Amino acid sequence: MSTLRYELVFADGAGATLDVVVVERTLFKGSGGHPVYEDASGIIRAEISDRDEVRILASGGHQDPAQRVLARPLPDADPTGAAGTTAF
């Protein structure tokens, strides 16, 4: 089973972290056959393989997809809404 959520860590050439975005799995598959994940705004979209390899997908015109992105799997939220978790 695929991971439901990831943190995408965007870094510059020196390895300094620039931004961290949480993405959730969608019903779509990318051209590589792996699940597509997106953030709450729908702007950040990425295909993530079962080996946590990331390919950022353009979600609109004039975008320059990031090249250095690390995917960190997040634990699945508790669907019962227990304390400290997010219910879906």
Protein backbone atom coordinates (compact mmCIF):
# COMPACT_ATOMS: atom_id res chain seq x y z
CA MET A 1 0.00 0.00 0.00
CA SER A 2 1.25 3.48 -0.84
CA THR A 3 1.95 6.20 1.67
CA LEU A 4 -0.96 8.65 2.00
CA ARG A 5 1.07 11.76 2.91
CA TYR A 6 4.58 13.09 2.41
CA GLU A 7 6.56 16.14 3.38
CA LEU A 8 8.31 17.52 0.33
CA VAL A 9 11.52 19.29 1.33
CA PHE A 10 12.72 21.79 -1.26
CA ALA A 11 16.42 22.67 -1.05
CA ASP A 12 18.82 24.92 -2.94
CA GLY A 13 22.11 23.84 -4.53
CA ALA A 14 23.95 24.18 -1.21
CA GLY A 15 21.51 21.79 0.48
CA ALA A 16 19.87 24.47 2.59
CA THR A 17 16.17 23.84 3.13
CA LEU A 18 14.02 26.44 1.42
CA ASP A 19 10.53 25.15 2.12
CA VAL A 20 8.59 22.15 3.41
CA VAL A 21 5.15 21.31 1.98
CA VAL A 22 2.79 18.48 2.98
CA VAL A 23 1.17 16.65 0.07
CA GLU A 24 -1.54 13.99 0.04
CA ARG A 25 -2.14 11.16 -2.41
CA THR A 26 -4.70 11.78 -5.16
CA LEU A 27 -6.55 9.25 -7.29
CA PHE A 28 -4.23 10.01 -10.24
CA LYS A 29 -1.10 8.23 -11.48
CA GLY A 30 1.81 9.95 -13.20
CA SER A 31 3.46 8.96 -16.46
CA GLY A 32 5.76 6.62 -14.52
CA GLY A 33 2.75 4.77 -13.11
CA HIS A 34 3.28 6.04 -9.56
CA PRO A 35 0.73 7.93 -7.42
CA VAL A 36 0.42 11.69 -7.80
CA TYR A 37 0.37 13.77 -4.62
CA GLU A 38 -0.64 17.41 -4.20
CA ASP A 39 -0.79 20.08 -1.53
CA ALA A 40 -4.04 21.61 -0.25
CA SER A 41 -3.86 24.44 -2.82
CA GLY A 42 -3.33 22.06 -5.77
CA ILE A 43 -0.32 24.09 -6.90
CA ILE A 44 2.37 21.65 -5.75
CA ARG A 45 1.96 18.31 -7.54
CA ALA A 46 4.45 15.45 -7.52
CA GLU A 47 4.69 11.86 -8.67
CA ILE A 48 6.38 9.82 -5.94
CA SER A 49 7.67 6.30 -6.53
CA ASP A 50 7.63 3.41 -4.07
CA ARG A 51 11.33 4.25 -3.44
CA ASP A 52 10.42 7.86 -2.49
CA GLU A 53 11.80 9.26 -5.76
CA VAL A 54 10.12 12.59 -6.54
CA ARG A 55 9.19 14.11 -9.89
CA ILE A 56 7.55 17.52 -9.56
CA LEU A 57 4.71 18.03 -12.04
CA ALA A 58 3.76 21.37 -13.53
CA SER A 59 0.28 22.45 -12.43
CA GLY A 60 0.15 25.61 -14.54
CA GLY A 61 1.99 27.63 -17.15
CA HIS A 62 5.33 29.37 -16.66
CA GLN A 63 6.47 27.11 -13.84
CA ASP A 64 10.06 26.04 -13.34
CA PRO A 65 9.78 22.72 -11.44
CA ALA A 66 12.22 22.29 -8.56
CA GLN A 67 15.09 19.88 -9.11
CA ARG A 68 16.20 19.15 -5.53
CA VAL A 69 13.25 17.72 -3.62
CA LEU A 70 13.29 15.11 -0.86
CA ALA A 71 10.13 13.16 0.03
CA ARG A 72 9.69 12.18 3.68
CA PRO A 73 6.79 9.80 4.37
CA LEU A 74 4.41 10.93 7.10
CA PRO A 75 2.40 8.60 9.30
CA ASP A 76 -1.19 8.20 8.21
CA ALA A 77 -3.66 10.28 10.21
CA ASP A 78 -5.99 8.45 12.55
CA PRO A 79 -9.39 8.44 10.77
CA THR A 80 -11.19 8.32 14.14
CA GLY A 81 -9.96 11.82 14.98
CA ALA A 82 -8.12 10.79 18.14
CA ALA A 83 -6.21 13.51 19.99
CA GLY A 84 -3.17 14.80 18.18
CA THR A 85 -4.24 13.57 14.76
CA THR A 86 -6.18 14.94 11.83
CA ALA A 87 -9.47 13.35 10.85
CA PHE A 88 -10.34 13.13 7.17
